Structure formats: structure tokens, C-alpha cells
Amino acid sequence: MVKYTKLPAISGKQLIKLLEKDGWIIKGQATHGVSLAKLVGDRTVVTVVRNTNASLPVGTLGAILGVKQIGIGKSGLLDLVNKYGL
């Protein structure tokens, strides 16, 4: 398996699969994307990821990874990519 040092271009579907492997649960699906939830401490964190084969724009990916949504940052996503692969 390739060890990534820089974040690769990632599609919405790839991100959803990685988050599922990290313990996120699909709660619903709509035309705009897939709703994922995870219990963190005493609260449930919810985010919506666009379900697409196209690469997510850098700003969108950054917003999803930020503290207001899933809170792992780019380094956390890089760890997931290296752990589970794309």
C-alpha cells in the first residue's frame, strides 16, 4: 500500500467510505449528500458529505475536516488514508 505524505485528491464517495471505517454511521441520504453521525463523548457529531465521484474542492474538504464538523483536520484524514487506503 502506498504511504501518503501529502493529501491526495479525494472524492465524496471515498471520504464517506473512510469515515465509515473510522466509526461514522450513515444516518440518511438526500440529493445534496449523505448524512453521517458519530458519538463523540456525550454528544453526537453530524456532518453531510456530497456523494459524488468527482474530487471534492479543497475548501469543501477543509470545511468538512474542520472543528465545526468532523474535527480531524487534514493530518487526521491523511492518517485515515494511510491506515485504510483509498
PDB file of N, CA and C in Angstrom:
ATOM      1  N   MET A   1       0.845  -1.182   0.000  1.00  0.00           N
ATOM      2  CA  MET A   1       0.000   0.000   0.000  1.00  0.00           C
ATOM      3  C   MET A   1       0.889   1.244   0.000  1.00  0.00           C
ATOM      4  N   VAL A   2       0.472   2.247  -0.746  1.00  0.00           N
ATOM      5  CA  VAL A   2       1.211   3.497  -0.850  1.00  0.00           C
ATOM      6  C   VAL A   2       1.056   4.294   0.438  1.00  0.00           C
ATOM      7  N   LYS A   3       2.166   4.833   0.955  1.00  0.00           N
ATOM      8  CA  LYS A   3       2.129   5.686   2.148  1.00  0.00           C
ATOM      9  C   LYS A   3       2.119   7.135   1.676  1.00  0.00           C
ATOM     10  N   TYR A   4       1.026   7.842   1.957  1.00  0.00           N
ATOM     11  CA  TYR A   4       0.880   9.226   1.511  1.00  0.00           C
ATOM     12  C   TYR A   4       1.512  10.182   2.515  1.00  0.00           C
ATOM     13  N   THR A   5       2.232  11.172   1.983  1.00  0.00           N
ATOM     14  CA  THR A   5       2.780  12.233   2.826  1.00  0.00           C
ATOM     15  C   THR A   5       2.043  13.541   2.573  1.00  0.00           C
ATOM     16  N   LYS A   6       1.355  13.618   1.432  1.00  0.00           N
ATOM     17  CA  LYS A   6       0.565  14.783   1.059  1.00  0.00           C
ATOM     18  C   LYS A   6      -0.843  14.289   0.756  1.00  0.00           C
ATOM     19  N   LEU A   7      -1.837  15.054   1.121  1.00  0.00           N
ATOM     20  CA  LEU A   7      -3.227  14.651   0.948  1.00  0.00           C
ATOM     21  C   LEU A   7      -3.576  14.514  -0.538  1.00  0.00           C
ATOM     22  N   PRO A   8      -4.044  13.327  -0.971  1.00  0.00           N
ATOM     23  CA  PRO A   8      -4.421  13.149  -2.376  1.00  0.00           C
ATOM     24  C   PRO A   8      -5.789  13.767  -2.650  1.00  0.00           C
ATOM     25  N   ALA A   9      -6.104  13.938  -3.934  1.00  0.00           N
ATOM     26  CA  ALA A   9      -7.459  14.367  -4.313  1.00  0.00           C
ATOM     27  C   ALA A   9      -8.408  13.251  -3.905  1.00  0.00           C
ATOM     28  N   ILE A  10      -9.495  13.606  -3.250  1.00  0.00           N
ATOM     29  CA  ILE A  10     -10.393  12.595  -2.707  1.00  0.00           C
ATOM     30  C   ILE A  10     -11.823  12.933  -3.102  1.00  0.00           C
ATOM     31  N   SER A  11     -12.563  11.911  -3.512  1.00  0.00           N
ATOM     32  CA  SER A  11     -13.958  12.124  -3.906  1.00  0.00           C
ATOM     33  C   SER A  11     -14.862  12.016  -2.682  1.00  0.00           C
ATOM     34  N   GLY A  12     -16.106  12.424  -2.854  1.00  0.00           N
ATOM     35  CA  GLY A  12     -17.067  12.317  -1.768  1.00  0.00           C
ATOM     36  C   GLY A  12     -17.298  10.868  -1.358  1.00  0.00           C
ATOM     37  N   LYS A  13     -17.401   9.973  -2.345  1.00  0.00           N
ATOM     38  CA  LYS A  13     -17.624   8.560  -2.057  1.00  0.00           C
ATOM     39  C   LYS A  13     -16.447   7.958  -1.291  1.00  0.00           C
ATOM     40  N   GLN A  14     -15.208   8.337  -1.656  1.00  0.00           N
ATOM     41  CA  GLN A  14     -14.028   7.845  -0.944  1.00  0.00           C
ATOM     42  C   GLN A  14     -14.024   8.354   0.501  1.00  0.00           C
ATOM     43  N   LEU A  15     -14.381   9.624   0.688  1.00  0.00           N
ATOM     44  CA  LEU A  15     -14.417  10.190   2.033  1.00  0.00           C
ATOM     45  C   LEU A  15     -15.476   9.487   2.883  1.00  0.00           C
ATOM     46  N   ILE A  16     -16.633   9.200   2.307  1.00  0.00           N
ATOM     47  CA  ILE A  16     -17.693   8.503   3.042  1.00  0.00           C
ATOM     48  C   ILE A  16     -17.211   7.125   3.488  1.00  0.00           C
ATOM     49  N   LYS A  17     -16.546   6.393   2.601  1.00  0.00           N
ATOM     50  CA  LYS A  17     -16.032   5.061   2.951  1.00  0.00           C
ATOM     51  C   LYS A  17     -14.988   5.142   4.058  1.00  0.00           C
ATOM     52  N   LEU A  18     -14.095   6.126   3.988  1.00  0.00           N
ATOM     53  CA  LEU A  18     -13.082   6.290   5.029  1.00  0.00           C
ATOM     54  C   LEU A  18     -13.713   6.613   6.379  1.00  0.00           C
ATOM     55  N   LEU A  19     -14.715   7.497   6.370  1.00  0.00           N
ATOM     56  CA  LEU A  19     -15.366   7.870   7.620  1.00  0.00           C
ATOM     57  C   LEU A  19     -16.147   6.695   8.209  1.00  0.00           C
ATOM     58  N   GLU A  20     -16.755   5.868   7.355  1.00  0.00           N
ATOM     59  CA  GLU A  20     -17.446   4.675   7.856  1.00  0.00           C
ATOM     60  C   GLU A  20     -16.467   3.728   8.543  1.00  0.00           C
ATOM     61  N   LYS A  21     -15.271   3.575   7.972  1.00  0.00           N
ATOM     62  CA  LYS A  21     -14.250   2.724   8.589  1.00  0.00           C
ATOM     63  C   LYS A  21     -13.772   3.305   9.912  1.00  0.00           C
ATOM     64  N   ASP A  22     -13.907   4.618  10.071  1.00  0.00           N
ATOM     65  CA  ASP A  22     -13.493   5.291  11.299  1.00  0.00           C
ATOM     66  C   ASP A  22     -14.606   5.332  12.349  1.00  0.00           C
ATOM     67  N   GLY A  23     -15.742   4.693  12.068  1.00  0.00           N
ATOM     68  CA  GLY A  23     -16.802   4.609  13.064  1.00  0.00           C
ATOM     69  C   GLY A  23     -17.993   5.517  12.834  1.00  0.00           C
ATOM     70  N   TRP A  24     -18.026   6.254  11.731  1.00  0.00           N
ATOM     71  CA  TRP A  24     -19.166   7.106  11.403  1.00  0.00           C
ATOM     72  C   TRP A  24     -20.280   6.243  10.834  1.00  0.00           C
ATOM     73  N   ILE A  25     -21.519   6.593  11.116  1.00  0.00           N
ATOM     74  CA  ILE A  25     -22.688   5.828  10.686  1.00  0.00           C
ATOM     75  C   ILE A  25     -23.517   6.681   9.735  1.00  0.00           C
ATOM     76  N   ILE A  26     -23.941   6.082   8.615  1.00  0.00           N
ATOM     77  CA  ILE A  26     -24.806   6.794   7.674  1.00  0.00           C
ATOM     78  C   ILE A  26     -26.197   6.904   8.285  1.00  0.00           C
ATOM     79  N   LYS A  27     -26.665   8.139   8.437  1.00  0.00           N
ATOM     80  CA  LYS A  27     -27.979   8.388   9.029  1.00  0.00           C
ATOM     81  C   LYS A  27     -29.052   8.680   8.000  1.00  0.00           C
ATOM     82  N   GLY A  28     -28.656   9.087   6.826  1.00  0.00           N
ATOM     83  CA  GLY A  28     -29.643   9.395   5.797  1.00  0.00           C
ATOM     84  C   GLY A  28     -28.972   9.859   4.534  1.00  0.00           C
ATOM     85  N   GLN A  29     -29.762   9.920   3.469  1.00  0.00           N
ATOM     86  CA  GLN A  29     -29.230  10.365   2.198  1.00  0.00           C
ATOM     87  C   GLN A  29     -30.260  11.243   1.516  1.00  0.00           C
ATOM     88  N   ALA A  30     -29.797  12.321   0.936  1.00  0.00           N
ATOM     89  CA  ALA A  30     -30.664  13.227   0.190  1.00  0.00           C
ATOM     90  C   ALA A  30     -29.960  13.571  -1.114  1.00  0.00           C
ATOM     91  N   THR A  31     -30.559  14.419  -1.909  1.00  0.00           N
ATOM     92  CA  THR A  31     -29.954  14.773  -3.188  1.00  0.00           C
ATOM     93  C   THR A  31     -28.646  15.535  -3.019  1.00  0.00           C
ATOM     94  N   HIS A  32     -28.492  16.236  -1.914  1.00  0.00           N
ATOM     95  CA  HIS A  32     -27.286  17.035  -1.708  1.00  0.00           C
ATOM     96  C   HIS A  32     -26.145  16.252  -1.074  1.00  0.00           C
ATOM     97  N   GLY A  33     -26.401  15.082  -0.509  1.00  0.00           N
ATOM     98  CA  GLY A  33     -25.317  14.310   0.072  1.00  0.00           C
ATOM     99  C   GLY A  33     -25.772  13.286   1.083  1.00  0.00           C
ATOM    100  N   VAL A  34     -24.795  12.714   1.774  1.00  0.00           N
ATOM    101  CA  VAL A  34     -25.033  11.671   2.759  1.00  0.00           C
ATOM    102  C   VAL A  34     -24.772  12.248   4.148  1.00  0.00           C
ATOM    103  N   SER A  35     -25.695  12.024   5.058  1.00  0.00           N
ATOM    104  CA  SER A  35     -25.559  12.490   6.435  1.00  0.00           C
ATOM    105  C   SER A  35     -24.878  11.394   7.254  1.00  0.00           C
ATOM    106  N   LEU A  36     -23.783  11.757   7.927  1.00  0.00           N
ATOM    107  CA  LEU A  36     -23.023  10.820   8.753  1.00  0.00           C
ATOM    108  C   LEU A  36     -23.012  11.320  10.192  1.00  0.00           C
ATOM    109  N   ALA A  37     -23.055  10.391  11.145  1.00  0.00           N
ATOM    110  CA  ALA A  37     -23.061  10.766  12.562  1.00  0.00           C
ATOM    111  C   ALA A  37     -22.102   9.870  13.330  1.00  0.00           C
ATOM    112  N   LYS A  38     -21.540  10.419  14.409  1.00  0.00           N
ATOM    113  CA  LYS A  38     -20.639   9.664  15.279  1.00  0.00           C
ATOM    114  C   LYS A  38     -20.793  10.183  16.697  1.00  0.00           C
ATOM    115  N   LEU A  39     -20.861   9.281  17.650  1.00  0.00           N
ATOM    116  CA  LEU A  39     -20.940   9.652  19.057  1.00  0.00           C
ATOM    117  C   LEU A  39     -19.537   9.977  19.552  1.00  0.00           C
ATOM    118  N   VAL A  40     -19.342  11.212  19.998  1.00  0.00           N
ATOM    119  CA  VAL A  40     -18.043  11.666  20.498  1.00  0.00           C
ATOM    120  C   VAL A  40     -18.261  12.174  21.916  1.00  0.00           C
ATOM    121  N   GLY A  41     -17.788  11.420  22.880  1.00  0.00           N
ATOM    122  CA  GLY A  41     -18.018  11.792  24.273  1.00  0.00           C
ATOM    123  C   GLY A  41     -19.497  11.678  24.593  1.00  0.00           C
ATOM    124  N   ASP A  42     -20.091  12.787  25.018  1.00  0.00           N
ATOM    125  CA  ASP A  42     -21.514  12.780  25.367  1.00  0.00           C
ATOM    126  C   ASP A  42     -22.385  13.459  24.311  1.00  0.00           C
ATOM    127  N   ARG A  43     -21.816  13.742  23.137  1.00  0.00           N
ATOM    128  CA  ARG A  43     -22.603  14.391  22.090  1.00  0.00           C
ATOM    129  C   ARG A  43     -22.449  13.657  20.759  1.00  0.00           C
ATOM    130  N   THR A  44     -23.399  13.860  19.888  1.00  0.00           N
ATOM    131  CA  THR A  44     -23.370  13.258  18.562  1.00  0.00           C
ATOM    132  C   THR A  44     -22.967  14.323  17.553  1.00  0.00           C
ATOM    133  N   VAL A  45     -21.926  14.042  16.790  1.00  0.00           N
ATOM    134  CA  VAL A  45     -21.444  14.952  15.762  1.00  0.00           C
ATOM    135  C   VAL A  45     -22.044  14.498  14.434  1.00  0.00           C
ATOM    136  N   VAL A  46     -22.595  15.446  13.674  1.00  0.00           N
ATOM    137  CA  VAL A  46     -23.232  15.136  12.392  1.00  0.00           C
ATOM    138  C   VAL A  46     -22.595  15.992  11.309  1.00  0.00           C
ATOM    139  N   THR A  47     -22.357  15.382  10.151  1.00  0.00           N
ATOM    140  CA  THR A  47     -21.849  16.118   9.000  1.00  0.00           C
ATOM    141  C   THR A  47     -22.511  15.583   7.746  1.00  0.00           C
ATOM    142  N   VAL A  48     -22.477  16.376   6.683  1.00  0.00           N
ATOM    143  CA  VAL A  48     -23.029  15.968   5.396  1.00  0.00           C
ATOM    144  C   VAL A  48     -21.906  16.015   4.367  1.00  0.00           C
ATOM    145  N   VAL A  49     -21.732  14.901   3.642  1.00  0.00           N
ATOM    146  CA  VAL A  49     -20.703  14.801   2.607  1.00  0.00           C
ATOM    147  C   VAL A  49     -21.400  14.572   1.275  1.00  0.00           C
ATOM    148  N   ARG A  50     -21.011  15.331   0.287  1.00  0.00           N
ATOM    149  CA  ARG A  50     -21.585  15.178  -1.054  1.00  0.00           C
ATOM    150  C   ARG A  50     -21.209  13.809  -1.606  1.00  0.00           C
ATOM    151  N   ASN A  51     -22.190  13.073  -2.097  1.00  0.00           N
ATOM    152  CA  ASN A  51     -21.999  11.724  -2.613  1.00  0.00           C
ATOM    153  C   ASN A  51     -21.688  11.805  -4.104  1.00  0.00           C
ATOM    154  N   THR A  52     -20.400  11.979  -4.438  1.00  0.00           N
ATOM    155  CA  THR A  52     -20.003  12.189  -5.824  1.00  0.00           C
ATOM    156  C   THR A  52     -18.701  11.455  -6.127  1.00  0.00           C
ATOM    157  N   ASN A  53     -18.507  11.123  -7.393  1.00  0.00           N
ATOM    158  CA  ASN A  53     -17.254  10.509  -7.825  1.00  0.00           C
ATOM    159  C   ASN A  53     -16.194  11.558  -8.138  1.00  0.00           C
ATOM    160  N   ALA A  54     -16.602  12.805  -8.279  1.00  0.00           N
ATOM    161  CA  ALA A  54     -15.671  13.890  -8.577  1.00  0.00           C
ATOM    162  C   ALA A  54     -14.905  14.277  -7.307  1.00  0.00           C
ATOM    163  N   SER A  55     -13.701  14.785  -7.488  1.00  0.00           N
ATOM    164  CA  SER A  55     -12.900  15.229  -6.349  1.00  0.00           C
ATOM    165  C   SER A  55     -13.590  16.390  -5.646  1.00  0.00           C
ATOM    166  N   LEU A  56     -13.543  16.366  -4.327  1.00  0.00           N
ATOM    167  CA  LEU A  56     -14.114  17.459  -3.549  1.00  0.00           C
ATOM    168  C   LEU A  56     -13.203  18.675  -3.652  1.00  0.00           C
ATOM    169  N   PRO A  57     -13.766  19.871  -3.812  1.00  0.00           N
ATOM    170  CA  PRO A  57     -12.935  21.074  -3.812  1.00  0.00           C
ATOM    171  C   PRO A  57     -12.186  21.215  -2.486  1.00  0.00           C
ATOM    172  N   VAL A  58     -11.020  21.833  -2.534  1.00  0.00           N
ATOM    173  CA  VAL A  58     -10.166  21.965  -1.353  1.00  0.00           C
ATOM    174  C   VAL A  58     -10.893  22.667  -0.211  1.00  0.00           C
ATOM    175  N   GLY A  59     -11.641  23.727  -0.514  1.00  0.00           N
ATOM    176  CA  GLY A  59     -12.368  24.463   0.516  1.00  0.00           C
ATOM    177  C   GLY A  59     -13.466  23.635   1.163  1.00  0.00           C
ATOM    178  N   THR A  60     -14.171  22.852   0.353  1.00  0.00           N
ATOM    179  CA  THR A  60     -15.231  21.986   0.878  1.00  0.00           C
ATOM    180  C   THR A  60     -14.639  20.915   1.772  1.00  0.00           C
ATOM    181  N   LEU A  61     -13.561  20.286   1.315  1.00  0.00           N
ATOM    182  CA  LEU A  61     -12.895  19.255   2.109  1.00  0.00           C
ATOM    183  C   LEU A  61     -12.370  19.837   3.417  1.00  0.00           C
ATOM    184  N   GLY A  62     -11.790  21.027   3.346  1.00  0.00           N
ATOM    185  CA  GLY A  62     -11.295  21.684   4.547  1.00  0.00           C
ATOM    186  C   GLY A  62     -12.397  21.996   5.545  1.00  0.00           C
ATOM    187  N   ALA A  63     -13.561  22.413   5.034  1.00  0.00           N
ATOM    188  CA  ALA A  63     -14.691  22.708   5.916  1.00  0.00           C
ATOM    189  C   ALA A  63     -15.219  21.447   6.585  1.00  0.00           C
ATOM    190  N   ILE A  64     -15.290  20.346   5.841  1.00  0.00           N
ATOM    191  CA  ILE A  64     -15.757  19.082   6.419  1.00  0.00           C
ATOM    192  C   ILE A  64     -14.792  18.594   7.487  1.00  0.00           C
ATOM    193  N   LEU A  65     -13.490  18.748   7.255  1.00  0.00           N
ATOM    194  CA  LEU A  65     -12.479  18.257   8.196  1.00  0.00           C
ATOM    195  C   LEU A  65     -12.288  19.174   9.401  1.00  0.00           C
ATOM    196  N   GLY A  66     -12.793  20.400   9.339  1.00  0.00           N
ATOM    197  CA  GLY A  66     -12.592  21.398  10.389  1.00  0.00           C
ATOM    198  C   GLY A  66     -13.289  21.067  11.696  1.00  0.00           C
ATOM    199  N   VAL A  67     -13.007  21.892  12.721  1.00  0.00           N
ATOM    200  CA  VAL A  67     -13.524  21.644  14.071  1.00  0.00           C
ATOM    201  C   VAL A  67     -15.037  21.768  14.180  1.00  0.00           C
ATOM    202  N   LYS A  68     -15.678  22.507  13.288  1.00  0.00           N
ATOM    203  CA  LYS A  68     -17.137  22.650  13.368  1.00  0.00           C
ATOM    204  C   LYS A  68     -17.874  21.421  12.835  1.00  0.00           C
ATOM    205  N   GLN A  69     -17.188  20.583  12.065  1.00  0.00           N
ATOM    206  CA  GLN A  69     -17.849  19.386  11.542  1.00  0.00           C
ATOM    207  C   GLN A  69     -17.203  18.132  12.130  1.00  0.00           C
ATOM    208  N   ILE A  70     -16.283  17.464  11.414  1.00  0.00           N
ATOM    209  CA  ILE A  70     -15.761  16.207  11.972  1.00  0.00           C
ATOM    210  C   ILE A  70     -14.538  16.405  12.853  1.00  0.00           C
ATOM    211  N   GLY A  71     -13.840  17.518  12.696  1.00  0.00           N
ATOM    212  CA  GLY A  71     -12.790  17.898  13.635  1.00  0.00           C
ATOM    213  C   GLY A  71     -11.502  17.095  13.604  1.00  0.00           C
ATOM    214  N   ILE A  72     -11.174  16.437  12.482  1.00  0.00           N
ATOM    215  CA  ILE A  72      -9.911  15.684  12.457  1.00  0.00           C
ATOM    216  C   ILE A  72      -8.810  16.430  11.721  1.00  0.00           C
ATOM    217  N   GLY A  73      -9.157  17.393  10.909  1.00  0.00           N
ATOM    218  CA  GLY A  73      -8.173  18.155  10.161  1.00  0.00           C
ATOM    219  C   GLY A  73      -7.556  17.349   9.035  1.00  0.00           C
ATOM    220  N   LYS A  74      -6.697  18.007   8.270  1.00  0.00           N
ATOM    221  CA  LYS A  74      -6.053  17.342   7.133  1.00  0.00           C
ATOM    222  C   LYS A  74      -5.102  16.245   7.588  1.00  0.00           C
ATOM    223  N   SER A  75      -4.416  16.459   8.695  1.00  0.00           N
ATOM    224  CA  SER A  75      -3.492  15.425   9.184  1.00  0.00           C
ATOM    225  C   SER A  75      -4.255  14.182   9.636  1.00  0.00           C
ATOM    226  N   GLY A  76      -5.439  14.365  10.222  1.00  0.00           N
ATOM    227  CA  GLY A  76      -6.258  13.232  10.626  1.00  0.00           C
ATOM    228  C   GLY A  76      -6.759  12.442   9.427  1.00  0.00           C
ATOM    229  N   LEU A  77      -7.140  13.154   8.353  1.00  0.00           N
ATOM    230  CA  LEU A  77      -7.577  12.467   7.135  1.00  0.00           C
ATOM    231  C   LEU A  77      -6.406  11.728   6.502  1.00  0.00           C
ATOM    232  N   LEU A  78      -5.238  12.330   6.527  1.00  0.00           N
ATOM    233  CA  LEU A  78      -4.044  11.679   5.990  1.00  0.00           C
ATOM    234  C   LEU A  78      -3.755  10.389   6.761  1.00  0.00           C
ATOM    235  N   ASP A  79      -3.930  10.418   8.081  1.00  0.00           N
ATOM    236  CA  ASP A  79      -3.766   9.210   8.896  1.00  0.00           C
ATOM    237  C   ASP A  79      -4.768   8.133   8.494  1.00  0.00           C
ATOM    238  N   LEU A  80      -6.037   8.511   8.267  1.00  0.00           N
ATOM    239  CA  LEU A  80      -7.063   7.558   7.839  1.00  0.00           C
ATOM    240  C   LEU A  80      -6.728   6.961   6.472  1.00  0.00           C
ATOM    241  N   VAL A  81      -6.265   7.800   5.544  1.00  0.00           N
ATOM    242  CA  VAL A  81      -5.904   7.323   4.203  1.00  0.00           C
ATOM    243  C   VAL A  81      -4.764   6.314   4.306  1.00  0.00           C
ATOM    244  N   ASN A  82      -3.763   6.621   5.130  1.00  0.00           N
ATOM    245  CA  ASN A  82      -2.635   5.706   5.277  1.00  0.00           C
ATOM    246  C   ASN A  82      -3.016   4.436   6.018  1.00  0.00           C
ATOM    247  N   LYS A  83      -3.993   4.516   6.922  1.00  0.00           N
ATOM    248  CA  LYS A  83      -4.413   3.345   7.704  1.00  0.00           C
ATOM    249  C   LYS A  83      -5.291   2.408   6.895  1.00  0.00           C
ATOM    250  N   TYR A  84      -6.279   2.968   6.192  1.00  0.00           N
ATOM    251  CA  TYR A  84      -7.269   2.162   5.480  1.00  0.00           C
ATOM    252  C   TYR A  84      -7.083   2.136   3.961  1.00  0.00           C
ATOM    253  N   GLY A  85      -6.300   3.058   3.414  1.00  0.00           N
ATOM    254  CA  GLY A  85      -6.141   3.143   1.968  1.00  0.00           C
ATOM    255  C   GLY A  85      -7.338   3.805   1.309  1.00  0.00           C
ATOM    256  N   LEU A  86      -7.192   4.091   0.021  1.00  0.00           N
ATOM    257  CA  LEU A  86      -8.292   4.700  -0.737  1.00  0.00           C
ATOM    258  C   LEU A  86      -9.008   3.646  -1.456  1.00  0.00           C
TER     259      LEU A  86
END
